[in-house]
Amino acid sequence: QVQLVESGGGLVQPGGSLRLSCAASGFTSDYYAIGWVRQDPGKEREGVSCISSSSGQIFYADSVKGRFTISRDNAKNTVFLQMNSLKPEDTAVYYCTGDHSGLTPCGSTWFWDVPRYDWGQGTQVTVSS
């Protein structure tokens, strides 16, 4: 079974940047789409971004559009989330999720089925001065 491992989280000041990585123990090309979901205590889980296997389909939540950029390098079996202009409301645990089925294309509805996708262990992002 492929495992997903996130890294790159940390503490950053508002306006700063972080780059999250999601490394797959197998092949990221085995996933039809890979996405990032964030969860902060007391808040609803939010689908942040997803990218299709060919990178032809990319989705961003309105809350991060223009600030975050998702990319994938299948040769390195890694997906990245570049986060710029970070805000305190971006504080959360960020999880990488991968979908083997391909039933739903990358987009806002892709996140409806995240409970059945593969998940990483999460990486904490804290935006605070």
Protein backbone atom coordinates (compact mmCIF):
# COMPACT_ATOMS: atom_id res chain seq x y z
CA GLN A 1 0.00 0.00 0.00
CA VAL A 2 1.26 3.43 -0.92
CA GLN A 3 1.92 5.74 1.98
CA LEU A 4 1.81 9.50 1.84
CA VAL A 5 4.16 11.53 4.03
CA GLU A 6 3.85 15.29 4.41
CA SER A 7 6.63 17.67 5.37
CA GLY A 8 7.43 21.36 5.29
CA GLY A 9 5.07 22.72 7.90
CA GLY A 10 6.13 25.11 10.62
CA LEU A 11 5.66 28.51 12.19
CA VAL A 12 5.67 31.52 9.90
CA GLN A 13 4.74 35.16 10.26
CA PRO A 14 1.76 36.62 8.39
CA GLY A 15 2.77 37.39 4.83
CA GLY A 16 5.39 34.66 4.83
CA SER A 17 5.71 31.53 2.73
CA LEU A 18 5.98 27.79 3.22
CA ARG A 19 6.34 24.91 0.81
CA LEU A 20 4.66 21.66 1.76
CA SER A 21 5.73 18.37 0.24
CA CYS A 22 3.83 15.11 -0.01
CA ALA A 23 6.07 12.16 -0.77
CA ALA A 24 4.57 8.85 -1.83
CA SER A 25 6.26 5.59 -0.89
CA GLY A 26 5.04 4.21 -4.19
CA PHE A 27 4.23 6.05 -7.38
CA THR A 28 2.24 9.27 -7.35
CA SER A 29 1.21 8.30 -10.87
CA ASP A 30 -0.82 5.52 -9.24
CA TYR A 31 -3.19 8.22 -8.03
CA TYR A 32 -5.68 9.78 -10.37
CA ALA A 33 -5.59 12.91 -8.25
CA ILE A 34 -3.80 14.13 -5.15
CA GLY A 35 -5.02 16.94 -2.98
CA TRP A 36 -4.48 18.89 0.19
CA VAL A 37 -7.04 19.13 2.96
CA ARG A 38 -6.65 21.24 6.10
CA GLN A 39 -8.22 20.89 9.49
CA ASP A 40 -8.10 23.30 12.40
CA PRO A 41 -9.76 22.44 15.74
CA GLY A 42 -13.18 24.00 15.96
CA LYS A 43 -13.41 24.49 12.22
CA GLU A 44 -14.75 22.38 9.40
CA ARG A 45 -12.35 20.39 7.27
CA GLU A 46 -11.54 22.32 4.12
CA GLY A 47 -10.41 21.07 0.74
CA VAL A 48 -7.58 23.38 -0.25
CA SER A 49 -6.34 22.19 -3.62
CA CYS A 50 -6.08 19.14 -5.86
CA ILE A 51 -4.21 18.16 -8.99
CA SER A 52 -4.87 15.40 -11.50
CA SER A 53 -2.31 12.76 -12.44
CA SER A 54 -1.32 14.60 -15.61
CA SER A 55 -1.52 18.01 -13.90
CA GLY A 56 -4.15 18.88 -16.48
CA GLN A 57 -6.79 19.58 -13.85
CA ILE A 58 -6.07 21.82 -10.89
CA PHE A 59 -8.46 23.21 -8.31
CA TYR A 60 -8.06 25.80 -5.58
CA ALA A 61 -10.46 26.78 -2.87
CA ASP A 62 -11.47 30.43 -3.09
CA SER A 63 -9.79 31.07 0.25
CA VAL A 64 -6.33 30.26 -1.18
CA LYS A 65 -6.71 31.14 -4.85
CA GLY A 66 -3.92 33.42 -6.01
CA ARG A 67 -1.76 32.62 -2.98
CA PHE A 68 -1.22 28.85 -3.13
CA THR A 69 0.20 26.82 -6.01
CA ILE A 70 -0.02 23.03 -6.29
CA SER A 71 2.33 21.00 -8.45
CA ARG A 72 3.46 17.43 -8.81
CA ASP A 73 6.62 15.73 -9.95
CA ASN A 74 5.73 12.15 -10.80
CA ALA A 75 9.38 11.32 -11.46
CA LYS A 76 10.08 12.15 -7.82
CA ASN A 77 6.73 10.82 -6.58
CA THR A 78 6.10 14.09 -4.81
CA VAL A 79 3.36 16.70 -4.76
CA PHE A 80 4.05 20.24 -3.58
CA LEU A 81 1.94 23.03 -2.17
CA GLN A 82 3.62 26.42 -2.36
CA MET A 83 1.91 28.76 0.08
CA ASN A 84 2.57 32.48 -0.20
CA SER A 85 1.10 35.53 1.55
CA LEU A 86 0.08 33.35 4.46
CA LYS A 87 -2.62 34.58 6.82
CA PRO A 88 -3.43 33.58 10.40
CA GLU A 89 -6.57 31.88 9.10
CA ASP A 90 -4.37 29.48 7.13
CA THR A 91 -3.30 27.93 10.43
CA ALA A 92 -4.25 24.25 10.40
CA VAL A 93 -2.94 20.73 10.05
CA TYR A 94 -2.47 20.09 6.35
CA TYR A 95 -3.09 16.58 5.05
CA CYS A 96 -2.14 15.11 1.72
CA THR A 97 -4.79 12.81 0.24
CA GLY A 98 -4.68 10.54 -2.78
CA ASP A 99 -7.44 8.97 -4.85
CA HIS A 100 -6.92 5.63 -6.65
CA SER A 101 -10.37 5.35 -8.13
CA GLY A 102 -10.57 8.32 -10.48
CA LEU A 103 -14.36 8.33 -10.09
CA THR A 104 -14.48 12.05 -9.48
CA PRO A 105 -12.24 14.49 -11.35
CA CYS A 106 -10.17 16.99 -9.44
CA GLY A 107 -12.44 19.87 -8.49
CA SER A 108 -14.61 21.07 -5.65
CA THR A 109 -16.65 17.83 -5.58
CA TRP A 110 -13.49 15.69 -5.39
CA PHE A 111 -13.23 16.60 -1.72
CA TRP A 112 -16.64 15.09 -0.91
CA ASP A 113 -15.07 11.62 -0.99
CA VAL A 114 -11.86 12.37 0.96
CA PRO A 115 -12.77 10.00 3.84
CA ARG A 116 -12.18 7.04 1.51
CA TYR A 117 -8.91 8.33 0.03
CA ASP A 118 -5.40 7.56 1.27
CA TRP A 119 -4.22 10.08 3.86
CA GLY A 120 -0.87 11.19 5.20
CA GLN A 121 -0.23 11.90 8.86
CA GLY A 122 -0.46 15.68 8.43
CA THR A 123 1.89 18.60 8.97
CA GLN A 124 1.15 21.59 11.19
CA VAL A 125 1.16 25.07 9.69
CA THR A 126 0.96 27.96 12.13
CA VAL A 127 0.77 31.55 10.91
CA SER A 128 1.32 33.95 13.76
CA SER A 129 3.33 37.02 14.66
